[in-house]
N, C-alpha and C. Protein backbone atom coordinates (compact mmCIF):
# COMPACT_ATOMS: atom_id res chain seq x y z
N UNK A 1 -12.38 -2.87 -1.75
CA UNK A 1 -12.83 -2.22 -0.54
C UNK A 1 -13.39 -0.84 -0.90
N UNK A 2 -14.54 -0.51 -0.37
CA UNK A 2 -15.13 0.79 -0.64
C UNK A 2 -14.57 1.89 0.26
N UNK A 3 -14.81 3.10 -0.16
CA UNK A 3 -14.40 4.28 0.61
C UNK A 3 -15.63 4.75 1.40
N UNK A 4 -15.46 4.91 2.71
CA UNK A 4 -16.55 5.37 3.58
C UNK A 4 -16.22 6.75 4.12
N UNK A 5 -17.26 7.48 4.46
CA UNK A 5 -17.11 8.83 5.02
C UNK A 5 -17.41 8.79 6.51
N UNK A 6 -16.59 9.50 7.27
CA UNK A 6 -16.74 9.55 8.72
C UNK A 6 -16.73 11.01 9.15
N UNK A 7 -17.35 11.28 10.31
CA UNK A 7 -17.42 12.65 10.83
C UNK A 7 -16.76 12.70 12.20
N UNK A 8 -15.64 13.40 12.28
CA UNK A 8 -14.92 13.58 13.53
C UNK A 8 -15.50 14.81 14.24
N UNK A 9 -15.82 14.72 15.52
CA UNK A 9 -16.37 15.88 16.23
C UNK A 9 -15.35 17.02 16.35
N UNK A 10 -14.05 16.71 16.29
CA UNK A 10 -13.02 17.74 16.43
C UNK A 10 -12.53 18.28 15.09
N UNK A 11 -12.31 17.39 14.10
CA UNK A 11 -11.66 17.79 12.85
C UNK A 11 -12.60 17.91 11.66
N UNK A 12 -13.79 17.36 11.75
CA UNK A 12 -14.71 17.42 10.62
C UNK A 12 -14.74 16.08 9.89
N UNK A 13 -15.24 16.11 8.64
CA UNK A 13 -15.42 14.85 7.92
C UNK A 13 -14.12 14.40 7.24
N UNK A 14 -13.98 13.08 7.07
CA UNK A 14 -12.85 12.49 6.36
C UNK A 14 -13.32 11.19 5.71
N UNK A 15 -12.58 10.73 4.73
CA UNK A 15 -12.90 9.47 4.05
C UNK A 15 -11.82 8.45 4.35
N UNK A 16 -12.23 7.17 4.30
CA UNK A 16 -11.28 6.11 4.62
C UNK A 16 -11.67 4.86 3.84
N UNK A 17 -10.67 4.15 3.34
CA UNK A 17 -10.86 2.90 2.64
C UNK A 17 -10.87 1.77 3.66
N UNK A 18 -12.01 1.06 3.78
CA UNK A 18 -12.15 0.01 4.79
C UNK A 18 -12.89 -1.19 4.22
N UNK A 19 -12.70 -2.37 4.79
CA UNK A 19 -13.48 -3.54 4.37
C UNK A 19 -14.96 -3.35 4.68
N UNK A 20 -15.81 -3.98 3.89
CA UNK A 20 -17.25 -3.85 4.10
C UNK A 20 -17.69 -4.41 5.45
N UNK A 21 -16.98 -5.38 5.96
CA UNK A 21 -17.33 -5.97 7.26
C UNK A 21 -17.19 -4.96 8.40
N UNK A 22 -16.36 -3.93 8.21
CA UNK A 22 -16.13 -2.93 9.26
C UNK A 22 -16.86 -1.62 8.99
N UNK A 23 -17.82 -1.62 8.08
CA UNK A 23 -18.45 -0.37 7.67
C UNK A 23 -19.22 0.34 8.78
N UNK A 24 -19.82 -0.40 9.71
CA UNK A 24 -20.63 0.22 10.76
C UNK A 24 -19.86 0.47 12.05
N UNK A 25 -18.62 0.00 12.10
CA UNK A 25 -17.82 0.20 13.31
C UNK A 25 -17.22 1.61 13.33
N UNK A 26 -17.10 2.23 14.50
CA UNK A 26 -16.45 3.54 14.56
C UNK A 26 -14.99 3.43 14.13
N UNK A 27 -14.47 4.54 13.65
CA UNK A 27 -13.10 4.56 13.12
C UNK A 27 -12.34 5.71 13.77
N UNK A 28 -11.05 5.50 14.00
CA UNK A 28 -10.21 6.55 14.58
C UNK A 28 -9.90 7.61 13.53
N UNK A 29 -10.03 8.87 13.90
CA UNK A 29 -9.71 9.98 13.01
C UNK A 29 -8.22 9.94 12.69
N UNK A 30 -7.82 10.10 11.42
CA UNK A 30 -6.40 10.05 11.09
C UNK A 30 -5.60 11.24 11.64
N UNK A 31 -6.28 12.30 12.08
CA UNK A 31 -5.57 13.49 12.56
C UNK A 31 -5.47 13.53 14.09
N UNK A 32 -6.59 13.23 14.78
CA UNK A 32 -6.58 13.36 16.24
C UNK A 32 -6.86 12.06 16.98
N UNK A 33 -7.08 10.96 16.26
CA UNK A 33 -7.32 9.63 16.85
C UNK A 33 -8.64 9.51 17.63
N UNK A 34 -9.56 10.46 17.48
CA UNK A 34 -10.87 10.39 18.14
C UNK A 34 -11.75 9.41 17.38
N UNK A 35 -12.49 8.57 18.11
CA UNK A 35 -13.39 7.63 17.45
C UNK A 35 -14.52 8.40 16.77
N UNK A 36 -14.73 8.11 15.48
CA UNK A 36 -15.72 8.84 14.68
C UNK A 36 -16.71 7.86 14.07
N UNK A 37 -17.95 8.29 13.94
CA UNK A 37 -19.00 7.47 13.38
C UNK A 37 -19.10 7.69 11.87
N UNK A 38 -19.59 6.67 11.18
CA UNK A 38 -19.76 6.75 9.73
C UNK A 38 -20.98 7.61 9.42
N UNK A 39 -20.85 8.45 8.40
CA UNK A 39 -21.95 9.29 7.93
C UNK A 39 -22.02 9.17 6.40
N UNK A 40 -23.16 9.55 5.86
CA UNK A 40 -23.32 9.56 4.41
C UNK A 40 -23.43 11.02 3.99
N UNK A 41 -22.38 11.52 3.34
CA UNK A 41 -22.34 12.93 2.94
C UNK A 41 -22.49 13.12 1.44
N UNK A 42 -22.16 12.10 0.65
CA UNK A 42 -22.22 12.25 -0.80
C UNK A 42 -22.89 11.02 -1.42
N UNK A 43 -23.19 11.12 -2.70
CA UNK A 43 -23.83 10.04 -3.44
C UNK A 43 -22.80 8.93 -3.67
N UNK A 44 -23.18 7.67 -3.49
CA UNK A 44 -22.21 6.60 -3.73
C UNK A 44 -21.83 6.50 -5.21
N UNK A 45 -20.57 6.18 -5.47
CA UNK A 45 -20.11 6.00 -6.84
C UNK A 45 -20.36 4.58 -7.30
N UNK A 46 -20.73 4.41 -8.56
CA UNK A 46 -21.01 3.09 -9.10
C UNK A 46 -19.88 2.67 -10.03
N UNK A 47 -19.61 1.39 -10.07
CA UNK A 47 -18.60 0.86 -10.98
C UNK A 47 -19.20 0.78 -12.37
N UNK A 48 -18.81 1.69 -13.25
CA UNK A 48 -19.38 1.74 -14.59
C UNK A 48 -18.36 1.39 -15.66
N UNK A 49 -17.26 0.77 -15.29
CA UNK A 49 -16.27 0.39 -16.29
C UNK A 49 -16.70 -0.90 -16.98
N UNK A 50 -16.21 -1.14 -18.20
CA UNK A 50 -16.57 -2.36 -18.92
C UNK A 50 -16.12 -3.61 -18.16
N UNK A 51 -16.82 -4.71 -18.38
CA UNK A 51 -16.52 -5.95 -17.68
C UNK A 51 -15.12 -6.46 -17.94
N UNK A 52 -14.62 -6.32 -19.19
CA UNK A 52 -13.27 -6.79 -19.50
C UNK A 52 -12.22 -6.01 -18.72
N UNK A 53 -12.42 -4.71 -18.58
CA UNK A 53 -11.47 -3.89 -17.82
C UNK A 53 -11.56 -4.22 -16.33
N UNK A 54 -12.77 -4.48 -15.83
CA UNK A 54 -12.93 -4.83 -14.42
C UNK A 54 -12.22 -6.16 -14.12
N UNK A 55 -12.36 -7.17 -15.04
CA UNK A 55 -11.67 -8.45 -14.84
C UNK A 55 -10.15 -8.27 -14.89
N UNK A 56 -9.67 -7.41 -15.79
CA UNK A 56 -8.22 -7.15 -15.86
C UNK A 56 -7.73 -6.51 -14.57
N UNK A 57 -8.48 -5.56 -14.03
CA UNK A 57 -8.10 -4.92 -12.78
C UNK A 57 -8.10 -5.92 -11.62
N UNK A 58 -9.09 -6.82 -11.61
CA UNK A 58 -9.13 -7.83 -10.55
C UNK A 58 -7.94 -8.77 -10.66
N UNK A 59 -7.57 -9.14 -11.87
CA UNK A 59 -6.40 -10.01 -12.06
C UNK A 59 -5.13 -9.30 -11.61
N UNK A 60 -5.02 -8.01 -11.90
CA UNK A 60 -3.84 -7.25 -11.47
C UNK A 60 -3.79 -7.16 -9.95
N UNK A 61 -4.92 -6.97 -9.30
CA UNK A 61 -4.94 -6.90 -7.85
C UNK A 61 -4.52 -8.23 -7.23
N UNK A 62 -5.02 -9.34 -7.79
CA UNK A 62 -4.64 -10.64 -7.27
C UNK A 62 -3.15 -10.88 -7.46
N UNK A 63 -2.64 -10.56 -8.65
CA UNK A 63 -1.23 -10.86 -8.93
C UNK A 63 -0.29 -9.99 -8.11
N UNK A 64 -0.71 -8.80 -7.74
CA UNK A 64 0.17 -7.94 -6.96
C UNK A 64 0.37 -8.50 -5.56
N UNK A 65 -0.67 -9.07 -4.97
CA UNK A 65 -0.58 -9.53 -3.59
C UNK A 65 -0.13 -10.98 -3.46
N UNK A 66 -0.55 -11.82 -4.38
CA UNK A 66 -0.20 -13.24 -4.29
C UNK A 66 -0.02 -13.81 -5.69
N UNK A 67 1.18 -13.76 -6.23
CA UNK A 67 1.39 -14.30 -7.57
C UNK A 67 1.14 -15.80 -7.59
N UNK A 68 0.77 -16.30 -8.76
CA UNK A 68 0.51 -17.72 -8.89
C UNK A 68 1.81 -18.51 -8.84
N UNK A 69 1.72 -19.67 -8.23
CA UNK A 69 2.86 -20.58 -8.26
C UNK A 69 2.81 -21.32 -9.59
N UNK A 70 3.87 -22.04 -9.92
CA UNK A 70 3.92 -22.79 -11.16
C UNK A 70 2.81 -23.83 -11.22
N UNK A 71 2.53 -24.48 -10.09
CA UNK A 71 1.47 -25.48 -10.05
C UNK A 71 0.10 -24.84 -10.29
N UNK A 72 -0.14 -23.67 -9.70
CA UNK A 72 -1.41 -22.97 -9.92
C UNK A 72 -1.54 -22.54 -11.37
N UNK A 73 -0.45 -22.06 -11.95
CA UNK A 73 -0.48 -21.63 -13.35
C UNK A 73 -0.82 -22.81 -14.26
N UNK A 74 -0.18 -23.97 -14.01
CA UNK A 74 -0.45 -25.15 -14.83
C UNK A 74 -1.89 -25.61 -14.66
N UNK A 75 -2.43 -25.52 -13.45
CA UNK A 75 -3.81 -25.95 -13.20
C UNK A 75 -4.81 -25.00 -13.84
N UNK A 76 -4.47 -23.73 -13.99
CA UNK A 76 -5.40 -22.72 -14.52
C UNK A 76 -5.18 -22.41 -15.99
N UNK A 77 -4.27 -23.09 -16.66
CA UNK A 77 -4.00 -22.74 -18.06
C UNK A 77 -5.22 -23.02 -18.91
N UNK A 78 -5.40 -22.19 -19.91
CA UNK A 78 -6.58 -22.27 -20.75
C UNK A 78 -6.29 -22.95 -22.08
N UNK A 79 -5.05 -23.19 -22.38
CA UNK A 79 -4.68 -23.79 -23.65
C UNK A 79 -4.52 -25.29 -23.50
N UNK A 80 -4.45 -25.98 -24.62
CA UNK A 80 -4.29 -27.42 -24.61
C UNK A 80 -2.89 -27.84 -24.22
N UNK A 81 -2.69 -29.15 -24.13
CA UNK A 81 -1.40 -29.67 -23.71
C UNK A 81 -0.30 -29.39 -24.73
N UNK A 82 -0.64 -29.22 -26.00
CA UNK A 82 0.36 -28.97 -27.03
C UNK A 82 0.69 -27.51 -27.24
N UNK A 83 0.15 -26.64 -26.41
CA UNK A 83 0.38 -25.21 -26.57
C UNK A 83 1.84 -24.87 -26.28
N UNK A 84 2.43 -24.04 -27.11
CA UNK A 84 3.84 -23.72 -26.92
C UNK A 84 4.09 -22.78 -25.74
N UNK A 85 3.08 -22.03 -25.30
CA UNK A 85 3.30 -21.13 -24.17
C UNK A 85 3.07 -21.83 -22.83
N UNK A 86 2.35 -22.95 -22.81
CA UNK A 86 2.06 -23.64 -21.56
C UNK A 86 2.83 -24.94 -21.39
N UNK A 87 3.21 -25.57 -22.49
CA UNK A 87 3.87 -26.86 -22.42
C UNK A 87 5.35 -26.70 -22.78
N UNK A 88 6.18 -27.64 -22.39
CA UNK A 88 7.58 -27.56 -22.78
C UNK A 88 7.72 -27.68 -24.30
N UNK A 89 8.71 -27.04 -24.85
CA UNK A 89 8.90 -27.06 -26.30
C UNK A 89 9.47 -28.40 -26.74
N UNK A 90 9.22 -28.72 -28.00
CA UNK A 90 9.72 -29.97 -28.56
C UNK A 90 11.20 -29.83 -28.87
N UNK A 91 11.97 -30.90 -28.74
CA UNK A 91 13.39 -30.81 -29.10
C UNK A 91 13.54 -30.63 -30.61
N UNK A 92 14.59 -29.93 -31.01
CA UNK A 92 14.85 -29.66 -32.42
C UNK A 92 15.36 -30.94 -33.07
N UNK A 93 14.79 -31.27 -34.22
CA UNK A 93 15.20 -32.46 -34.95
C UNK A 93 16.50 -32.19 -35.69
N UNK A 94 17.46 -33.07 -35.54
CA UNK A 94 18.73 -32.96 -36.26
C UNK A 94 18.76 -34.04 -37.33
N UNK A 95 19.01 -33.63 -38.55
CA UNK A 95 19.08 -34.56 -39.68
C UNK A 95 20.42 -34.39 -40.38
N UNK A 96 20.65 -35.23 -41.40
CA UNK A 96 21.89 -35.09 -42.18
C UNK A 96 21.90 -33.76 -42.93
N UNK A 97 20.73 -33.33 -43.43
CA UNK A 97 20.65 -32.06 -44.15
C UNK A 97 20.75 -30.88 -43.20
N UNK A 98 20.42 -31.08 -41.93
CA UNK A 98 20.43 -30.00 -40.94
C UNK A 98 21.13 -30.52 -39.67
N UNK A 99 22.46 -30.69 -39.69
CA UNK A 99 23.15 -31.32 -38.57
C UNK A 99 23.16 -30.49 -37.29
N UNK A 100 22.99 -29.17 -37.39
CA UNK A 100 23.05 -28.32 -36.20
C UNK A 100 21.67 -28.05 -35.60
N UNK A 101 20.63 -28.55 -36.24
CA UNK A 101 19.28 -28.34 -35.73
C UNK A 101 18.77 -26.94 -35.93
N UNK A 102 19.31 -26.22 -36.90
CA UNK A 102 18.87 -24.85 -37.17
C UNK A 102 17.57 -24.87 -37.96
N UNK A 103 16.76 -23.85 -37.79
CA UNK A 103 15.52 -23.76 -38.55
C UNK A 103 15.85 -23.41 -39.99
N UNK A 104 15.21 -24.07 -40.91
CA UNK A 104 15.41 -23.78 -42.33
C UNK A 104 14.07 -23.49 -42.95
N UNK A 105 14.07 -22.80 -44.06
CA UNK A 105 12.82 -22.48 -44.73
C UNK A 105 12.37 -23.69 -45.53
N UNK A 106 11.06 -23.95 -45.58
CA UNK A 106 10.58 -25.13 -46.28
C UNK A 106 10.56 -24.97 -47.79
N UNK A 107 10.76 -23.77 -48.30
CA UNK A 107 10.71 -23.56 -49.74
C UNK A 107 11.90 -22.70 -50.17
N UNK A 108 11.96 -22.45 -51.46
CA UNK A 108 13.04 -21.63 -52.00
C UNK A 108 12.82 -20.15 -51.72
N UNK A 109 11.63 -19.78 -51.24
CA UNK A 109 11.31 -18.38 -50.96
C UNK A 109 11.14 -18.20 -49.44
N UNK A 110 12.21 -17.97 -48.69
CA UNK A 110 12.09 -17.89 -47.23
C UNK A 110 11.33 -16.68 -46.73
N UNK A 111 11.13 -15.67 -47.56
CA UNK A 111 10.43 -14.47 -47.11
C UNK A 111 8.91 -14.63 -47.19
N UNK A 112 8.43 -15.72 -47.80
CA UNK A 112 7.00 -15.93 -47.93
C UNK A 112 6.47 -16.77 -46.77
N UNK A 113 5.27 -16.46 -46.37
CA UNK A 113 4.63 -17.23 -45.30
C UNK A 113 3.85 -18.34 -45.97
N UNK A 114 4.13 -19.56 -45.61
CA UNK A 114 3.41 -20.69 -46.19
C UNK A 114 2.24 -21.08 -45.31
N UNK A 115 1.25 -21.67 -45.91
CA UNK A 115 0.05 -22.09 -45.18
C UNK A 115 -0.14 -23.56 -45.26
């Protein structure tokens, strides 16, 4: 929603955040409740932030007012069905060598990352 400027005959000019659909309608002054008309007193500000930041802000605005349900999240997921963050995790395999299902290192050097 943009910020519009209004001129009250009693109190002077004030700004108000309103929907674009109501931009031409008179607005009540926040101080004296007198109906005031919209005026243009300053140069309009342009959205000059990067697109990625604008999308992040839009996502934050949506999530603050209406968080996604589990069904919406599943429908909008971007990862495949085998993704560990979107799909349920696989059960741990229990074997004779690993009866408790604990994770073990595949080599004699557990501090090394294998590929």
